[in-house]
């Protein structure tokens, strides 16, 4: 009888998602562009314009495009995000809309502090376009200290800020490694978990700049393992010696024909081995013979992101659909489908309304413990339930929020930092917000848990703080429908 609630929620989420997807046009170079509204827009993007030219219906030719300010980034990587090329003609109104969209797309590469596109020369009906960028720092070698728990609240409250539940080491992040927006990651981790991982990603390797790749290798071992969920909380088993070892290797191909849509095709191989103590504590952990499990994963993911600023959008639309297959044996066999949708509307100059949905299903429904993790892991969670996880095989949620920009400040930087970073200030924006979310997770094997197969709802208020390098800190106070409330901290992007 409870399953009808799940089916109703999934049907509503998919209908909600499809309605937005249907409203979007095909991923053309130019689609659904915002309309310009003031003469100030012309003065910003075409400094040499005269008011009389605003009313003309003539087409204006882009004679050339020049990129300046890119000390390391290759110009073709920047121009790949611009929705026009030299030799194309547009009306002035449409051209300025394209300038705006180009700035947004370049900022979403996460390579620059600022971007400006404008007509540096305006003679007759010919324009010479300049793309001016200020680059970020790209190399970050620094000591690494992190929590192994799902969020700060769980570490502080449930684990009593135990230093045994931290990892430390060296973390190397090298963005834009060769100037092609490629990324190198190297982790040397010790403490709670010992881990060595390396990955390299290059967005384009062909002349048309459509195909890219990512390669990943990871190995490690840990003294503690999350072997079960009881009363909707992770239960851990810790031993003096290492109790779990793991390794994975794989890669993916990416295909991006134009601006907004991206396709990912991946294949990975995983191996995990646990001590017999784990299997005695939870025989359902693997559901395979022996204490080790090896399996491949194949997946396809489609992403469409058309937003002004992906880490914290003020307007736009995004969707992500992921279909994957794990395992090939009858005892470890999992098909998964996950679907996320986000739609954002600006209300006036400072207000933002956001609607989000997530739906997922795992087949067949009868799965071992390691395959039943659903809400509360990584970025798939409901506000107000941060102290809990909700395991299951199908479900989803709807989230809504109303945010208003409260203030913004620019903190001056010392002179020696200004020269190295090409910045004079650190911008900080603060938003106040109200939010609500509702969801449902179905589990045929709830065990000693209570949140599965029940309607979940929470609401609250909070503050979002934005700064350099896409830093987004969320401070939220939530109330859920089981009488729980609390202050929660997150450091997450929106999509």
Protein backbone atom coordinates (compact mmCIF):
# COMPACT_ATOMS: atom_id res chain seq x y z
CA UNK A 1 0.00 0.00 0.00
CA UNK A 2 2.91 2.32 0.65
CA UNK A 3 4.27 1.98 -2.87
CA UNK A 4 1.54 4.17 -4.36
CA UNK A 5 3.14 7.17 -2.59
CA UNK A 6 6.44 6.39 -4.24
CA UNK A 7 4.86 6.01 -7.68
CA UNK A 8 2.95 9.26 -7.23
CA UNK A 9 6.10 11.16 -6.19
CA UNK A 10 8.18 9.72 -9.04
CA UNK A 11 5.45 10.53 -11.57
CA UNK A 12 5.24 14.10 -10.31
CA UNK A 13 9.03 14.55 -10.38
CA UNK A 14 9.36 13.18 -13.91
CA UNK A 15 6.44 15.32 -15.11
CA UNK A 16 8.01 18.35 -13.44
CA UNK A 17 11.34 17.55 -15.10
CA UNK A 18 9.90 16.93 -18.56
CA UNK A 19 7.91 20.16 -18.52
CA UNK A 20 11.12 22.16 -18.15
CA UNK A 21 13.03 20.11 -20.69
CA UNK A 22 10.22 20.57 -23.20
CA UNK A 23 10.35 24.31 -22.59
CA UNK A 24 14.00 24.44 -23.59
CA UNK A 25 14.93 24.78 -27.22
CA UNK A 26 17.38 22.47 -28.95
CA UNK A 27 21.01 23.17 -28.02
CA UNK A 28 21.68 25.71 -30.73
CA UNK A 29 24.49 28.21 -30.54
CA UNK A 30 21.86 30.88 -29.85
CA UNK A 31 18.69 30.00 -27.92
CA UNK A 32 16.37 31.57 -25.36
CA UNK A 33 18.56 34.61 -24.96
CA UNK A 34 17.76 37.34 -22.42
CA UNK A 35 16.62 40.67 -23.80
CA UNK A 36 18.59 43.85 -23.28
CA UNK A 37 16.69 46.71 -21.72
CA UNK A 38 18.83 49.80 -21.18
CA UNK A 39 21.11 52.08 -23.12
CA UNK A 40 23.68 51.38 -20.38
CA UNK A 41 24.00 47.88 -21.84
CA UNK A 42 25.04 49.34 -25.17
CA UNK A 43 27.58 51.61 -23.53
CA UNK A 44 29.10 48.73 -21.62
CA UNK A 45 29.38 46.35 -24.57
CA UNK A 46 29.75 48.82 -27.45
CA UNK A 47 31.39 51.95 -25.99
CA UNK A 48 31.39 53.82 -29.32
CA UNK A 49 27.69 53.47 -30.07
CA UNK A 50 25.38 56.46 -30.63
CA UNK A 51 21.75 56.48 -29.44
CA UNK A 52 20.52 56.70 -33.04
CA UNK A 53 22.03 53.31 -33.81
CA UNK A 54 19.91 51.56 -31.19
CA UNK A 55 16.79 51.84 -33.32
CA UNK A 56 18.36 50.68 -36.56
CA UNK A 57 17.53 47.23 -37.89
CA UNK A 58 20.78 46.87 -39.77
CA UNK A 59 22.99 43.85 -39.33
CA UNK A 60 26.47 44.37 -37.98
CA UNK A 61 29.38 42.22 -39.05
CA UNK A 62 31.92 40.77 -36.59
CA UNK A 63 35.15 41.33 -38.46
CA UNK A 64 37.54 39.88 -35.83
CA UNK A 65 37.73 38.56 -32.26
CA UNK A 66 40.76 39.18 -30.05
CA UNK A 67 41.44 37.61 -26.63
CA UNK A 68 43.49 39.57 -24.08
CA UNK A 69 44.56 38.86 -20.50
CA UNK A 70 45.09 35.11 -20.99
CA UNK A 71 48.65 34.52 -19.83
CA UNK A 72 48.30 30.73 -19.79
CA UNK A 73 44.90 29.76 -21.16
CA UNK A 74 44.85 29.08 -24.89
CA UNK A 75 42.64 31.45 -26.85
CA UNK A 76 40.78 28.60 -28.56
CA UNK A 77 39.61 27.31 -25.16
CA UNK A 78 38.09 30.73 -24.46
CA UNK A 79 36.58 31.18 -27.91
CA UNK A 80 35.03 27.69 -27.63
CA UNK A 81 32.56 29.19 -25.13
CA UNK A 82 31.64 32.24 -27.24
CA UNK A 83 28.32 31.82 -29.14
CA UNK A 84 29.52 33.62 -32.29
CA UNK A 85 32.49 33.66 -34.64
CA UNK A 86 34.15 36.19 -36.92
CA UNK A 87 32.21 36.65 -40.15
CA UNK A 88 28.75 36.38 -38.54
CA UNK A 89 26.22 39.24 -38.63
CA UNK A 90 23.64 40.21 -36.01
CA UNK A 91 21.44 43.12 -35.03
CA UNK A 92 22.86 45.21 -32.18
CA UNK A 93 20.25 43.96 -29.72
CA UNK A 94 20.96 40.32 -30.44
CA UNK A 95 24.70 40.93 -30.48
CA UNK A 96 24.69 42.35 -26.95
CA UNK A 97 22.65 39.40 -25.74
CA UNK A 98 25.33 37.16 -27.24
CA UNK A 99 28.04 39.14 -25.45
CA UNK A 100 26.27 38.53 -22.14
CA UNK A 101 25.87 34.85 -22.79
CA UNK A 102 29.50 34.52 -23.86
CA UNK A 103 30.63 36.10 -20.58
CA UNK A 104 28.48 33.64 -18.63
CA UNK A 105 29.80 30.62 -20.53
CA UNK A 106 33.44 31.65 -20.09
CA UNK A 107 32.93 32.24 -16.35
CA UNK A 108 31.42 28.76 -16.04
CA UNK A 109 34.74 27.25 -17.13
CA UNK A 110 36.00 28.18 -13.63
CA UNK A 111 39.22 29.52 -15.16
CA UNK A 112 38.78 33.26 -14.59
CA UNK A 113 38.01 35.83 -11.94
CA UNK A 114 36.25 38.07 -14.44
CA UNK A 115 35.32 38.24 -18.12
CA UNK A 116 34.30 41.12 -20.34
CA UNK A 117 33.29 40.98 -24.00
CA UNK A 118 32.91 44.24 -25.87
CA UNK A 119 33.34 45.92 -29.26
CA UNK A 120 36.74 47.57 -29.14
CA UNK A 121 36.23 49.17 -32.56
CA UNK A 122 32.94 50.18 -34.19
CA UNK A 123 33.24 51.50 -37.74
CA UNK A 124 30.24 51.54 -40.02
CA UNK A 125 28.60 48.18 -39.69
CA UNK A 126 31.82 46.34 -38.76
CA UNK A 127 32.81 45.43 -35.21
CA UNK A 128 36.12 44.27 -33.80
CA UNK A 129 35.39 42.24 -30.68
CA UNK A 130 37.66 41.94 -27.64
CA UNK A 131 37.35 39.21 -25.01
CA UNK A 132 39.12 40.41 -21.86
CA UNK A 133 39.79 37.94 -19.04
CA UNK A 134 41.51 37.92 -15.65
CA UNK A 135 42.94 34.49 -14.88
CA UNK A 136 42.77 32.65 -11.56
CA UNK A 137 45.54 30.82 -9.79
CA UNK A 138 45.67 27.29 -11.14
CA UNK A 139 48.19 25.39 -9.00
CA UNK A 140 47.20 24.48 -5.44
CA UNK A 141 49.68 22.20 -3.62
CA UNK A 142 48.70 22.28 0.02
CA UNK A 143 48.49 20.15 3.17
CA UNK A 144 45.22 18.28 3.32
CA UNK A 145 42.97 17.88 6.38
CA UNK A 146 39.45 16.60 5.97
CA UNK A 147 36.61 14.88 7.82
CA UNK A 148 35.54 11.39 6.85
CA UNK A 149 31.96 11.98 7.99
CA UNK A 150 29.23 13.11 5.63
CA UNK A 151 29.08 16.65 7.03
CA UNK A 152 30.44 18.85 9.82
CA UNK A 153 27.36 18.34 12.00
CA UNK A 154 27.72 14.56 12.04
CA UNK A 155 31.41 14.87 13.01
CA UNK A 156 30.75 17.42 15.79
CA UNK A 157 27.60 15.84 17.28
CA UNK A 158 27.58 12.13 16.49
CA UNK A 159 31.35 11.54 16.50
CA UNK A 160 32.18 14.17 19.17
CA UNK A 161 34.83 15.80 16.96
CA UNK A 162 37.05 12.73 17.13
CA UNK A 163 40.47 13.28 15.56
CA UNK A 164 40.52 9.59 14.71
CA UNK A 165 37.92 10.40 12.05
CA UNK A 166 40.06 12.73 9.97
CA UNK A 167 42.36 12.28 7.02
CA UNK A 168 45.49 14.30 6.31
CA UNK A 169 48.21 14.43 3.71
CA UNK A 170 49.09 16.27 0.52
CA UNK A 171 46.59 17.29 -2.10
CA UNK A 172 47.72 18.67 -5.45
CA UNK A 173 45.15 20.42 -7.63
CA UNK A 174 46.54 21.64 -10.92
CA UNK A 175 43.82 23.26 -13.00
CA UNK A 176 44.47 24.39 -16.55
CA UNK A 177 47.64 22.31 -16.51
CA UNK A 178 48.70 22.96 -20.11
CA UNK A 179 46.40 25.92 -20.81
CA UNK A 180 43.69 23.71 -22.35
CA UNK A 181 41.41 23.70 -19.28
CA UNK A 182 42.80 20.27 -18.40
CA UNK A 183 42.95 19.14 -14.78
CA UNK A 184 45.51 17.07 -12.86
CA UNK A 185 44.67 15.69 -9.40
CA UNK A 186 47.07 13.89 -7.07
CA UNK A 187 46.12 12.81 -3.54
CA UNK A 188 48.51 11.36 -0.92
CA UNK A 189 46.31 10.68 2.11
CA UNK A 190 47.07 9.22 5.54
CA UNK A 191 45.22 8.93 8.86
CA UNK A 192 41.74 7.42 8.97
CA UNK A 193 42.29 6.22 5.42
CA UNK A 194 45.45 5.66 3.43
CA UNK A 195 44.88 6.52 -0.17
CA UNK A 196 46.78 7.25 -3.34
CA UNK A 197 44.80 8.58 -6.28
CA UNK A 198 45.61 10.31 -9.52
CA UNK A 199 43.39 11.62 -12.29
CA UNK A 200 43.79 13.63 -15.45
CA UNK A 201 41.04 15.28 -17.47
CA UNK A 202 41.24 17.02 -20.83
CA UNK A 203 38.03 18.52 -22.23
CA UNK A 204 39.07 18.40 -25.91
CA UNK A 205 41.60 16.37 -27.89
CA UNK A 206 40.20 16.71 -31.44
CA UNK A 207 40.45 19.62 -33.86
CA UNK A 208 36.74 20.41 -33.75
CA UNK A 209 36.94 20.57 -29.92
CA UNK A 210 34.09 18.18 -29.26
CA UNK A 211 35.66 15.08 -27.70
CA UNK A 212 37.49 14.87 -24.37
CA UNK A 213 38.56 12.26 -21.83
CA UNK A 214 39.22 11.60 -18.15
CA UNK A 215 41.45 8.91 -16.61
CA UNK A 216 41.36 7.89 -12.92
CA UNK A 217 43.31 5.41 -10.75
CA UNK A 218 42.79 4.99 -7.00
CA UNK A 219 43.93 2.61 -4.29
CA UNK A 220 43.87 2.61 -0.50
CA UNK A 221 42.85 0.98 2.76
CA UNK A 222 41.14 1.98 5.99
CA UNK A 223 40.80 0.94 9.62
CA UNK A 224 37.08 1.67 9.78
CA UNK A 225 34.12 0.75 7.63
CA UNK A 226 30.45 1.76 7.44
CA UNK A 227 29.03 -1.76 7.55
CA UNK A 228 25.34 -1.08 8.30
CA UNK A 229 22.60 1.50 8.88
CA UNK A 230 20.58 1.39 12.10
CA UNK A 231 17.98 3.95 13.18
CA UNK A 232 18.77 5.83 9.95
CA UNK A 233 22.39 6.45 10.92
CA UNK A 234 25.57 4.92 9.61
CA UNK A 235 27.11 2.32 11.93
CA UNK A 236 30.89 1.92 11.84
CA UNK A 237 33.24 -0.89 12.73
CA UNK A 238 36.78 0.09 13.72
CA UNK A 239 39.79 -2.14 14.35
CA UNK A 240 43.45 -1.41 15.19
CA UNK A 241 44.48 -2.95 11.88
CA UNK A 242 43.22 -2.16 8.40
CA UNK A 243 39.78 -3.65 7.88
CA UNK A 244 39.06 -2.62 4.28
CA UNK A 245 41.11 -2.22 1.10
CA UNK A 246 39.92 -0.85 -2.22
CA UNK A 247 41.14 -0.04 -5.72
CA UNK A 248 39.59 1.29 -8.90
CA UNK A 249 40.72 2.27 -12.36
CA UNK A 250 38.84 3.59 -15.37
CA UNK A 251 38.08 6.43 -17.67
CA UNK A 252 35.42 8.22 -19.63
CA UNK A 253 34.89 9.92 -22.95
CA UNK A 254 33.02 13.21 -23.15
CA UNK A 255 31.23 14.68 -26.15
CA UNK A 256 30.13 18.31 -26.33
CA UNK A 257 28.96 19.43 -29.75
CA UNK A 258 27.91 22.99 -28.94
CA UNK A 259 27.52 24.98 -25.72
CA UNK A 260 25.07 23.57 -23.23
CA UNK A 261 24.76 19.79 -23.67
CA UNK A 262 27.41 17.27 -22.67
CA UNK A 263 27.52 13.46 -23.00
CA UNK A 264 29.73 11.22 -20.82
CA UNK A 265 30.50 7.56 -21.51
CA UNK A 266 32.42 5.77 -18.76
CA UNK A 267 33.86 2.38 -17.86
CA UNK A 268 35.46 1.58 -14.49
CA UNK A 269 36.65 -1.48 -12.63
CA UNK A 270 36.34 -1.72 -8.83
CA UNK A 271 37.77 -4.08 -6.25
CA UNK A 272 36.93 -4.05 -2.54
CA UNK A 273 38.08 -6.47 0.15
CA UNK A 274 36.92 -6.53 3.77
CA UNK A 275 37.89 -8.62 6.77
CA UNK A 276 35.67 -11.49 7.88
CA UNK A 277 34.69 -9.40 10.91
CA UNK A 278 32.62 -7.17 8.63
CA UNK A 279 30.76 -10.07 7.06
CA UNK A 280 30.00 -11.56 10.46
CA UNK A 281 28.61 -8.21 11.61
CA UNK A 282 26.52 -7.85 8.43
CA UNK A 283 26.26 -10.92 6.17
CA UNK A 284 24.23 -8.76 3.78
CA UNK A 285 27.13 -6.37 3.13
CA UNK A 286 28.19 -7.89 -0.24
CA UNK A 287 25.92 -10.91 -0.81
CA UNK A 288 28.77 -12.60 -2.65
CA UNK A 289 30.90 -15.58 -1.69
CA UNK A 290 34.12 -14.62 0.04
CA UNK A 291 35.34 -11.37 1.54
CA UNK A 292 36.21 -9.56 -1.70
CA UNK A 293 34.06 -8.15 -4.45
CA UNK A 294 35.16 -7.20 -7.96
CA UNK A 295 32.89 -5.67 -10.54
CA UNK A 296 32.82 -3.36 -13.56
CA UNK A 297 30.69 -0.25 -14.00
CA UNK A 298 29.41 1.09 -17.31
CA UNK A 299 27.55 4.38 -17.45
CA UNK A 300 26.14 7.08 -19.68
CA UNK A 301 25.39 10.58 -18.41
CA UNK A 302 23.68 13.46 -20.16
CA UNK A 303 24.04 16.99 -18.77
CA UNK A 304 22.37 20.16 -19.99
CA UNK A 305 23.42 23.31 -18.12
CA UNK A 306 22.33 26.75 -19.31
CA UNK A 307 22.88 29.00 -16.30
CA UNK A 308 24.45 32.38 -15.79
CA UNK A 309 26.77 31.08 -13.02
CA UNK A 310 26.67 27.36 -12.25
CA UNK A 311 28.03 27.45 -8.64
CA UNK A 312 25.23 29.83 -7.61
CA UNK A 313 22.87 30.64 -10.50
CA UNK A 314 20.52 33.59 -10.58
CA UNK A 315 18.69 32.30 -13.64
CA UNK A 316 18.78 29.35 -15.94
CA UNK A 317 18.04 25.67 -16.28
CA UNK A 318 19.98 22.45 -15.79
CA UNK A 319 19.31 18.73 -15.92
CA UNK A 320 21.46 15.64 -15.40
CA UNK A 321 20.43 12.08 -16.30
CA UNK A 322 22.70 9.15 -15.41
CA UNK A 323 22.16 5.52 -16.40
CA UNK A 324 24.60 2.90 -15.10
CA UNK A 325 25.18 -0.84 -14.80
CA UNK A 326 27.24 -2.33 -11.92
CA UNK A 327 28.29 -5.95 -11.79
CA UNK A 328 27.64 -8.84 -14.11
CA UNK A 329 26.97 -11.75 -11.74
CA UNK A 330 23.52 -12.72 -10.38
CA UNK A 331 24.65 -11.99 -6.80
CA UNK A 332 25.93 -8.50 -7.63
CA UNK A 333 23.79 -7.01 -10.35
CA UNK A 334 22.56 -3.41 -10.32
CA UNK A 335 20.88 -1.16 -12.90
CA UNK A 336 20.51 2.49 -11.88
CA UNK A 337 18.75 5.57 -13.23
CA UNK A 338 19.17 8.98 -11.59
CA UNK A 339 17.65 12.26 -12.78
CA UNK A 340 18.20 15.78 -11.43
CA UNK A 341 16.56 19.00 -12.64
CA UNK A 342 17.01 22.62 -11.54
CA UNK A 343 15.18 25.74 -12.69
CA UNK A 344 16.01 29.25 -11.44
CA UNK A 345 14.09 32.50 -11.94
CA UNK A 346 15.29 36.03 -11.06
CA UNK A 347 12.62 38.16 -9.37
CA UNK A 348 13.72 41.75 -9.66
CA UNK A 349 17.37 42.60 -9.20
CA UNK A 350 18.08 40.82 -5.90
CA UNK A 351 15.61 37.94 -5.50
CA UNK A 352 16.01 34.36 -6.74
CA UNK A 353 13.44 31.53 -6.82
CA UNK A 354 14.80 28.01 -7.29
CA UNK A 355 13.01 24.68 -7.86
CA UNK A 356 14.91 21.39 -7.88
CA UNK A 357 13.94 17.76 -8.28
CA UNK A 358 15.72 14.43 -7.97
CA UNK A 359 14.46 10.93 -8.75
CA UNK A 360 16.25 7.60 -8.75
CA UNK A 361 15.56 3.90 -9.06
CA UNK A 362 17.74 0.79 -8.56
CA UNK A 363 16.82 -2.55 -10.12
CA UNK A 364 16.27 -5.23 -9.11
CA UNK A 365 14.89 -4.03 -5.77
CA UNK A 366 16.65 -6.77 -3.81
CA UNK A 367 20.21 -5.45 -3.36
CA UNK A 368 23.11 -5.95 -0.91
CA UNK A 369 23.75 -3.26 1.69
CA UNK A 370 26.47 -1.46 -0.30
CA UNK A 371 24.01 -0.87 -3.16
CA UNK A 372 21.10 0.47 -1.08
CA UNK A 373 22.58 3.87 -0.19
CA UNK A 374 20.20 6.58 -1.37
CA UNK A 375 19.67 9.94 0.38
CA UNK A 376 22.28 11.62 2.56
CA UNK A 377 25.33 10.59 0.57
CA UNK A 378 27.49 13.14 -1.26
CA UNK A 379 25.30 15.82 -2.91
CA UNK A 380 22.02 13.84 -2.86
CA UNK A 381 20.43 14.84 0.43
CA UNK A 382 17.41 16.58 1.95
CA UNK A 383 17.81 19.66 4.12
CA UNK A 384 16.76 18.99 7.70
CA UNK A 385 17.90 15.35 7.59
CA UNK A 386 21.66 15.90 7.66
CA UNK A 387 22.05 13.70 10.76
CA UNK A 388 20.43 10.79 8.94
CA UNK A 389 20.85 8.64 5.87
CA UNK A 390 17.89 7.05 4.11
CA UNK A 391 18.74 3.79 2.38
CA UNK A 392 16.48 2.38 -0.31
CA UNK A 393 16.06 1.45 -3.94
CA UNK A 394 13.70 4.11 -5.32
CA UNK A 395 12.49 7.59 -4.47
CA UNK A 396 13.22 11.24 -4.84
CA UNK A 397 12.62 14.74 -3.55
CA UNK A 398 11.48 18.22 -4.51
CA UNK A 399 13.27 21.31 -3.16
CA UNK A 400 12.33 24.97 -3.37
CA UNK A 401 13.97 28.12 -2.08
CA UNK A 402 13.61 31.89 -2.14
CA UNK A 403 16.85 33.87 -1.74
CA UNK A 404 17.54 37.58 -1.57
CA UNK A 405 20.90 39.29 -1.79
CA UNK A 406 21.44 41.14 1.49
CA UNK A 407 24.74 42.86 0.83
CA UNK A 408 28.09 42.61 -0.92
CA UNK A 409 31.51 43.85 0.12
CA UNK A 410 34.97 43.97 -1.44
CA UNK A 411 37.88 43.36 0.93
CA UNK A 412 41.14 45.01 -0.26
CA UNK A 413 44.14 42.73 -0.77
CA UNK A 414 47.73 43.56 0.20
CA UNK A 415 49.89 44.89 -2.59
CA UNK A 416 52.13 41.81 -3.01
CA UNK A 417 49.06 39.59 -3.45
CA UNK A 418 47.48 41.99 -5.95
CA UNK A 419 50.45 41.64 -8.30
CA UNK A 420 50.47 37.84 -8.19
CA UNK A 421 46.70 37.30 -8.32
CA UNK A 422 45.81 40.18 -10.69
CA UNK A 423 43.15 41.15 -8.16
CA UNK A 424 42.75 44.16 -5.91
CA UNK A 425 39.86 42.93 -3.71
CA UNK A 426 38.11 39.77 -2.49
CA UNK A 427 34.39 40.01 -3.30
CA UNK A 428 31.91 38.59 -0.80
CA UNK A 429 28.15 38.31 -1.36
CA UNK A 430 25.65 37.29 1.31
CA UNK A 431 22.15 35.98 0.56
CA UNK A 432 19.34 35.34 3.02
CA UNK A 433 16.94 32.54 2.13
CA UNK A 434 13.85 30.50 3.00
CA UNK A 435 13.55 26.91 1.79
CA UNK A 436 11.47 23.76 1.89
CA UNK A 437 11.89 20.20 0.62
CA UNK A 438 9.81 17.02 0.54
CA UNK A 439 10.69 13.47 -0.44
CA UNK A 440 10.09 9.76 -0.16
CA UNK A 441 12.34 6.68 -0.29
CA UNK A 442 11.08 3.16 -0.84
CA UNK A 443 12.88 0.19 0.72
CA UNK A 444 11.64 -3.41 0.70
CA UNK A 445 14.13 -4.17 3.51
CA UNK A 446 13.97 -1.29 6.01
CA UNK A 447 15.53 -3.31 8.84
CA UNK A 448 15.94 -1.24 12.02
CA UNK A 449 15.30 2.05 10.23
CA UNK A 450 12.26 4.31 10.28
CA UNK A 451 12.58 6.98 7.59
CA UNK A 452 12.09 4.64 4.64
CA UNK A 453 8.58 4.31 3.24
CA UNK A 454 7.51 7.55 4.93
CA UNK A 455 6.80 11.07 3.73
CA UNK A 456 9.76 13.31 4.54
CA UNK A 457 9.49 17.08 4.81
CA UNK A 458 11.63 19.88 6.19
CA UNK A 459 11.81 23.66 5.95
CA UNK A 460 14.00 26.40 7.30
CA UNK A 461 15.99 29.56 6.76
CA UNK A 462 19.63 30.44 6.34
CA UNK A 463 22.43 32.39 4.70
CA UNK A 464 24.60 31.68 1.67
CA UNK A 465 28.07 33.25 1.41
CA UNK A 466 29.82 33.49 -1.97
CA UNK A 467 33.42 34.46 -2.66
CA UNK A 468 36.41 33.77 -4.91
CA UNK A 469 37.08 30.44 -6.62
CA UNK A 470 33.39 29.49 -6.53
CA UNK A 471 33.45 29.25 -2.73
CA UNK A 472 29.87 28.75 -1.50
CA UNK A 473 29.17 28.33 2.22
CA UNK A 474 25.61 27.57 3.30
CA UNK A 475 24.49 28.14 6.89
CA UNK A 476 21.00 26.70 7.44
CA UNK A 477 18.60 26.11 10.32
CA UNK A 478 16.03 23.42 9.50
CA UNK A 479 12.90 21.85 11.02
CA UNK A 480 11.63 18.46 9.82
CA UNK A 481 8.28 16.69 10.20
CA UNK A 482 9.65 14.36 12.90
CA UNK A 483 10.21 17.20 15.35
CA UNK A 484 13.96 17.48 14.77
CA UNK A 485 15.72 20.78 14.19
CA UNK A 486 19.26 22.07 14.06
CA UNK A 487 21.92 24.27 12.52
CA UNK A 488 23.68 22.79 9.49
CA UNK A 489 26.75 23.86 7.50
CA UNK A 490 27.45 22.97 3.87
CA UNK A 491 30.06 23.82 1.31
CA UNK A 492 28.40 22.85 -1.95
CA UNK A 493 27.71 24.24 -5.39
CA UNK A 494 24.17 24.36 -6.73
CA UNK A 495 24.53 22.02 -9.71
